[in-house]
Amino acid sequence: MTIILGIDPGSRVTGYGLVRVTGNRQQHVASGSIRTGSGELPARLERIHAGLAAVIAEHAPAQCAIEKVFVHRSNESALKLGHARGVALLTAVLAGLDVAEYGATTIKQALVGTGRADKDQVTHMVKALLGLHEKLEPDAADALAIAICHAHSSASPLLAAGARRSRGRSRRLRALPEK
């Protein structure tokens, strides 16, 4: 049994989803969104870190999967997304999690069978695969999709080729010497 944390990063809303994998079965553990409000970016990034750290502490996932960055409407939006994504990656690595990264097309392909699926199709498949009947927030549904994609790719060498992995346990951060 393994618990996988999926993260859909965003500077205003970061979705998270946890899936328990036993053999080839996936079970919903928890999901939700970390809403950062409209304050200054550093404060919003701290809320993402604190929220994800609390989720990791509560559910003790063994692995983490996160969506790769994609081009946004503007450079400023892409940069803010990159900051949120960096905080999410760092939080997972500091917790000792192995991290895999997937592109949106790979995630959609793994769940729906086509990389051009829309959000409603992805949400429908997440609910069907996990046996959920309640409404899912869009960011939480995307995060669960990322976790399911990782579960599928871990079992399939063909899908695993679409992931880039980094090992959290092999990296240790050192404090910089004080001046």
C-alpha atoms as a PDB file:
ATOM      1  CA  MET A   1       0.000   0.000   0.000  1.00  0.00           C
ATOM      2  CA  THR A   2       1.333   3.412  -1.002  1.00  0.00           C
ATOM      3  CA  ILE A   3      -0.168   6.876  -0.601  1.00  0.00           C
ATOM      4  CA  ILE A   4       0.538   9.286  -3.456  1.00  0.00           C
ATOM      5  CA  LEU A   5       0.130  13.050  -3.116  1.00  0.00           C
ATOM      6  CA  GLY A   6      -0.853  14.846  -6.318  1.00  0.00           C
ATOM      7  CA  ILE A   7      -0.344  18.615  -6.501  1.00  0.00           C
ATOM      8  CA  ASP A   8      -1.879  21.067  -8.975  1.00  0.00           C
ATOM      9  CA  PRO A   9       0.111  24.223  -8.205  1.00  0.00           C
ATOM     10  CA  GLY A  10      -1.255  27.730  -8.470  1.00  0.00           C
ATOM     11  CA  SER A  11      -0.385  31.054  -6.863  1.00  0.00           C
ATOM     12  CA  ARG A  12      -3.990  31.698  -5.768  1.00  0.00           C
ATOM     13  CA  VAL A  13      -5.334  28.123  -5.511  1.00  0.00           C
ATOM     14  CA  THR A  14      -3.189  25.007  -5.129  1.00  0.00           C
ATOM     15  CA  GLY A  15      -5.064  21.737  -5.401  1.00  0.00           C
ATOM     16  CA  TYR A  16      -4.003  18.579  -3.585  1.00  0.00           C
ATOM     17  CA  GLY A  17      -5.239  15.008  -3.820  1.00  0.00           C
ATOM     18  CA  LEU A  18      -4.152  11.859  -2.021  1.00  0.00           C
ATOM     19  CA  VAL A  19      -4.704   8.386  -3.421  1.00  0.00           C
ATOM     20  CA  ARG A  20      -3.971   5.073  -1.687  1.00  0.00           C
ATOM     21  CA  VAL A  21      -2.638   2.499  -4.141  1.00  0.00           C
ATOM     22  CA  THR A  22      -2.909  -1.197  -3.346  1.00  0.00           C
ATOM     23  CA  GLY A  23      -1.894  -3.389  -6.270  1.00  0.00           C
ATOM     24  CA  ASN A  24      -3.735  -1.968  -9.259  1.00  0.00           C
ATOM     25  CA  ARG A  25      -6.520  -0.351  -7.180  1.00  0.00           C
ATOM     26  CA  GLN A  26      -6.679   3.312  -6.223  1.00  0.00           C
ATOM     27  CA  GLN A  27      -8.720   4.694  -3.340  1.00  0.00           C
ATOM     28  CA  HIS A  28      -9.461   8.329  -2.503  1.00  0.00           C
ATOM     29  CA  VAL A  29      -7.853   9.400   0.782  1.00  0.00           C
ATOM     30  CA  ALA A  30      -8.354  13.172   0.802  1.00  0.00           C
ATOM     31  CA  SER A  31      -8.463  16.160  -1.525  1.00  0.00           C
ATOM     32  CA  GLY A  32      -8.962  19.870  -1.388  1.00  0.00           C
ATOM     33  CA  SER A  33      -7.561  23.276  -2.214  1.00  0.00           C
ATOM     34  CA  ILE A  34      -5.232  25.673  -0.497  1.00  0.00           C
ATOM     35  CA  ARG A  35      -6.606  29.143  -1.138  1.00  0.00           C
ATOM     36  CA  THR A  36      -4.023  31.864  -0.683  1.00  0.00           C
ATOM     37  CA  GLY A  37      -6.177  34.962  -1.020  1.00  0.00           C
ATOM     38  CA  SER A  38      -5.135  38.140  -2.767  1.00  0.00           C
ATOM     39  CA  GLY A  39      -2.265  39.350  -0.582  1.00  0.00           C
ATOM     40  CA  GLU A  40       1.347  39.842  -1.550  1.00  0.00           C
ATOM     41  CA  LEU A  41       3.056  36.940  -3.325  1.00  0.00           C
ATOM     42  CA  PRO A  42       5.494  36.044  -0.493  1.00  0.00           C
ATOM     43  CA  ALA A  43       2.604  35.642   1.979  1.00  0.00           C
ATOM     44  CA  ARG A  44       0.655  33.521  -0.535  1.00  0.00           C
ATOM     45  CA  LEU A  45       3.699  31.299  -1.099  1.00  0.00           C
ATOM     46  CA  GLU A  46       4.032  30.812   2.664  1.00  0.00           C
ATOM     47  CA  ARG A  47       0.368  29.702   2.810  1.00  0.00           C
ATOM     48  CA  ILE A  48       1.053  27.126   0.071  1.00  0.00           C
ATOM     49  CA  HIS A  49       4.035  25.784   2.007  1.00  0.00           C
ATOM     50  CA  ALA A  50       2.152  25.665   5.323  1.00  0.00           C
ATOM     51  CA  GLY A  51      -0.906  24.040   3.746  1.00  0.00           C
ATOM     52  CA  LEU A  52       1.052  21.347   1.908  1.00  0.00           C
ATOM     53  CA  ALA A  53       3.257  20.687   4.954  1.00  0.00           C
ATOM     54  CA  ALA A  54       0.091  20.126   7.028  1.00  0.00           C
ATOM     55  CA  VAL A  55      -1.362  17.742   4.405  1.00  0.00           C
ATOM     56  CA  ILE A  56       1.908  15.789   4.284  1.00  0.00           C
ATOM     57  CA  ALA A  57       2.113  15.627   8.103  1.00  0.00           C
ATOM     58  CA  GLU A  58      -1.492  14.422   8.405  1.00  0.00           C
ATOM     59  CA  HIS A  59      -1.499  11.778   5.652  1.00  0.00           C
ATOM     60  CA  ALA A  60       2.189  10.713   5.405  1.00  0.00           C
ATOM     61  CA  PRO A  61       2.325  10.076   1.644  1.00  0.00           C
ATOM     62  CA  ALA A  62       5.248   8.040   0.314  1.00  0.00           C
ATOM     63  CA  GLN A  63       5.398   9.718  -3.102  1.00  0.00           C
ATOM     64  CA  CYS A  64       4.455  13.003  -4.716  1.00  0.00           C
ATOM     65  CA  ALA A  65       3.486  13.925  -8.274  1.00  0.00           C
ATOM     66  CA  ILE A  66       3.158  17.460  -9.587  1.00  0.00           C
ATOM     67  CA  GLU A  67       2.121  19.022 -12.876  1.00  0.00           C
ATOM     68  CA  LYS A  68       4.931  20.472 -15.008  1.00  0.00           C
ATOM     69  CA  VAL A  69       4.817  24.165 -15.729  1.00  0.00           C
ATOM     70  CA  PHE A  70       3.210  25.209 -19.001  1.00  0.00           C
ATOM     71  CA  VAL A  71       3.131  28.481 -20.924  1.00  0.00           C
ATOM     72  CA  HIS A  72       0.539  30.878 -19.599  1.00  0.00           C
ATOM     73  CA  ARG A  73      -1.191  33.879 -21.085  1.00  0.00           C
ATOM     74  CA  SER A  74       1.511  36.195 -19.817  1.00  0.00           C
ATOM     75  CA  ASN A  75       5.071  36.034 -18.584  1.00  0.00           C
ATOM     76  CA  GLU A  76       3.978  37.412 -15.211  1.00  0.00           C
ATOM     77  CA  SER A  77       1.399  34.610 -14.754  1.00  0.00           C
ATOM     78  CA  ALA A  78       3.961  31.974 -15.730  1.00  0.00           C
ATOM     79  CA  LEU A  79       6.458  33.404 -13.260  1.00  0.00           C
ATOM     80  CA  LYS A  80       3.930  33.387 -10.395  1.00  0.00           C
ATOM     81  CA  LEU A  81       2.980  29.800 -11.254  1.00  0.00           C
ATOM     82  CA  GLY A  82       6.669  28.912 -11.252  1.00  0.00           C
ATOM     83  CA  HIS A  83       7.050  30.364  -7.756  1.00  0.00           C
ATOM     84  CA  ALA A  84       4.069  28.354  -6.459  1.00  0.00           C
ATOM     85  CA  ARG A  85       5.369  25.222  -8.137  1.00  0.00           C
ATOM     86  CA  GLY A  86       8.824  25.760  -6.637  1.00  0.00           C
ATOM     87  CA  VAL A  87       7.369  26.081  -3.141  1.00  0.00           C
ATOM     88  CA  ALA A  88       5.336  22.884  -3.654  1.00  0.00           C
ATOM     89  CA  LEU A  89       8.409  20.996  -4.904  1.00  0.00           C
ATOM     90  CA  LEU A  90      10.542  22.238  -2.026  1.00  0.00           C
ATOM     91  CA  THR A  91       7.888  21.330   0.554  1.00  0.00           C
ATOM     92  CA  ALA A  92       7.696  17.774  -0.822  1.00  0.00           C
ATOM     93  CA  VAL A  93      11.485  17.366  -0.994  1.00  0.00           C
ATOM     94  CA  LEU A  94      11.959  18.729   2.541  1.00  0.00           C
ATOM     95  CA  ALA A  95       9.437  16.110   3.713  1.00  0.00           C
ATOM     96  CA  GLY A  96      11.621  13.420   2.109  1.00  0.00           C
ATOM     97  CA  LEU A  97       9.175  12.533  -0.670  1.00  0.00           C
ATOM     98  CA  ASP A  98      10.173  11.219  -4.071  1.00  0.00           C
ATOM     99  CA  VAL A  99       8.775  13.636  -6.656  1.00  0.00           C
ATOM    100  CA  ALA A 100       7.632  12.917 -10.225  1.00  0.00           C
ATOM    101  CA  GLU A 101       6.599  15.606 -12.707  1.00  0.00           C
ATOM    102  CA  TYR A 102       4.037  15.145 -15.494  1.00  0.00           C
ATOM    103  CA  GLY A 103       2.896  17.361 -18.339  1.00  0.00           C
ATOM    104  CA  ALA A 104      -0.806  18.123 -18.748  1.00  0.00           C
ATOM    105  CA  THR A 105      -1.008  16.057 -21.940  1.00  0.00           C
ATOM    106  CA  THR A 106       0.518  13.004 -20.226  1.00  0.00           C
ATOM    107  CA  ILE A 107      -1.949  13.306 -17.326  1.00  0.00           C
ATOM    108  CA  LYS A 108      -4.954  13.562 -19.643  1.00  0.00           C
ATOM    109  CA  GLN A 109      -3.682  10.661 -21.771  1.00  0.00           C
ATOM    110  CA  ALA A 110      -3.283   8.450 -18.676  1.00  0.00           C
ATOM    111  CA  LEU A 111      -6.815   9.135 -17.425  1.00  0.00           C
ATOM    112  CA  VAL A 112      -8.987   9.736 -20.460  1.00  0.00           C
ATOM    113  CA  GLY A 113      -6.993   8.180 -23.299  1.00  0.00           C
ATOM    114  CA  THR A 114      -6.438  11.439 -25.147  1.00  0.00           C
ATOM    115  CA  GLY A 115      -4.121  14.329 -24.370  1.00  0.00           C
ATOM    116  CA  ARG A 116      -6.753  16.804 -25.570  1.00  0.00           C
ATOM    117  CA  ALA A 117      -9.391  15.943 -22.956  1.00  0.00           C
ATOM    118  CA  ASP A 118     -11.187  18.856 -21.320  1.00  0.00           C
ATOM    119  CA  LYS A 119     -11.521  19.476 -17.555  1.00  0.00           C
ATOM    120  CA  ASP A 120     -14.997  17.921 -17.385  1.00  0.00           C
ATOM    121  CA  GLN A 121     -13.763  14.678 -18.976  1.00  0.00           C
ATOM    122  CA  VAL A 122     -10.816  14.492 -16.567  1.00  0.00           C
ATOM    123  CA  THR A 123     -13.052  15.166 -13.549  1.00  0.00           C
ATOM    124  CA  HIS A 124     -15.532  12.517 -14.727  1.00  0.00           C
ATOM    125  CA  MET A 125     -12.755   9.898 -15.020  1.00  0.00           C
ATOM    126  CA  VAL A 126     -11.289  10.808 -11.626  1.00  0.00           C
ATOM    127  CA  LYS A 127     -14.706  10.320 -10.022  1.00  0.00           C
ATOM    128  CA  ALA A 128     -15.293   7.057 -11.914  1.00  0.00           C
ATOM    129  CA  LEU A 129     -11.865   5.604 -11.088  1.00  0.00           C
ATOM    130  CA  LEU A 130     -12.132   6.515  -7.404  1.00  0.00           C
ATOM    131  CA  GLY A 131     -15.843   5.755  -7.023  1.00  0.00           C
ATOM    132  CA  LEU A 132     -16.650   9.299  -5.905  1.00  0.00           C
ATOM    133  CA  HIS A 133     -20.148  10.740  -6.124  1.00  0.00           C
ATOM    134  CA  GLU A 134     -19.675  14.131  -4.467  1.00  0.00           C
ATOM    135  CA  LYS A 135     -18.748  17.305  -6.324  1.00  0.00           C
ATOM    136  CA  LEU A 136     -15.019  17.899  -6.645  1.00  0.00           C
ATOM    137  CA  GLU A 137     -13.392  21.319  -6.754  1.00  0.00           C
ATOM    138  CA  PRO A 138     -11.594  21.706 -10.122  1.00  0.00           C
ATOM    139  CA  ASP A 139      -8.133  22.090  -8.557  1.00  0.00           C
ATOM    140  CA  ALA A 140      -8.659  19.091  -6.266  1.00  0.00           C
ATOM    141  CA  ALA A 141      -9.874  16.996  -9.224  1.00  0.00           C
ATOM    142  CA  ASP A 142      -6.761  17.966 -11.208  1.00  0.00           C
ATOM    143  CA  ALA A 143      -4.528  17.038  -8.255  1.00  0.00           C
ATOM    144  CA  LEU A 144      -6.235  13.640  -7.939  1.00  0.00           C
ATOM    145  CA  ALA A 145      -5.742  13.146 -11.687  1.00  0.00           C
ATOM    146  CA  ILE A 146      -2.014  13.796 -11.236  1.00  0.00           C
ATOM    147  CA  ALA A 147      -1.839  11.245  -8.395  1.00  0.00           C
ATOM    148  CA  ILE A 148      -3.732   8.645 -10.474  1.00  0.00           C
ATOM    149  CA  CYS A 149      -1.460   9.318 -13.458  1.00  0.00           C
ATOM    150  CA  HIS A 150       1.536   8.655 -11.218  1.00  0.00           C
ATOM    151  CA  ALA A 151      -0.040   5.437  -9.921  1.00  0.00           C
ATOM    152  CA  HIS A 152      -0.582   4.283 -13.498  1.00  0.00           C
ATOM    153  CA  SER A 153       2.887   5.320 -14.637  1.00  0.00           C
ATOM    154  CA  SER A 154       4.542   3.565 -11.709  1.00  0.00           C
ATOM    155  CA  ALA A 155       2.944   0.349 -12.943  1.00  0.00           C
ATOM    156  CA  SER A 156       3.614   0.963 -16.649  1.00  0.00           C
ATOM    157  CA  PRO A 157       7.092   1.441 -18.126  1.00  0.00           C
ATOM    158  CA  LEU A 158       5.490   3.054 -21.199  1.00  0.00           C
ATOM    159  CA  LEU A 159       3.837   5.828 -19.161  1.00  0.00           C
ATOM    160  CA  ALA A 160       6.835   6.160 -16.851  1.00  0.00           C
ATOM    161  CA  ALA A 161       8.841   7.449 -19.814  1.00  0.00           C
ATOM    162  CA  GLY A 162       6.643  10.595 -19.733  1.00  0.00           C
ATOM    163  CA  ALA A 163       7.634  11.448 -16.157  1.00  0.00           C
ATOM    164  CA  ARG A 164      10.676  13.216 -14.849  1.00  0.00           C
ATOM    165  CA  ARG A 165      11.551  12.146 -11.329  1.00  0.00           C
ATOM    166  CA  SER A 166      13.685  13.606  -8.626  1.00  0.00           C
ATOM    167  CA  ARG A 167      14.548  11.898  -5.382  1.00  0.00           C
ATOM    168  CA  GLY A 168      13.698  13.830  -2.246  1.00  0.00           C
ATOM    169  CA  ARG A 169      15.537  11.465   0.075  1.00  0.00           C
ATOM    170  CA  SER A 170      18.837  11.709  -1.761  1.00  0.00           C
ATOM    171  CA  ARG A 171      18.980  15.490  -1.460  1.00  0.00           C
ATOM    172  CA  ARG A 172      19.802  17.187   1.777  1.00  0.00           C
ATOM    173  CA  LEU A 173      19.714  20.929   2.115  1.00  0.00           C
ATOM    174  CA  ARG A 174      22.495  22.579   4.046  1.00  0.00           C
ATOM    175  CA  ALA A 175      22.208  25.869   5.795  1.00  0.00           C
ATOM    176  CA  LEU A 176      24.361  28.606   4.355  1.00  0.00           C
ATOM    177  CA  PRO A 177      27.122  29.781   6.699  1.00  0.00           C
ATOM    178  CA  GLU A 178      26.337  33.013   8.471  1.00  0.00           C
ATOM    179  CA  LYS A 179      28.413  36.048   7.600  1.00  0.00           C
END
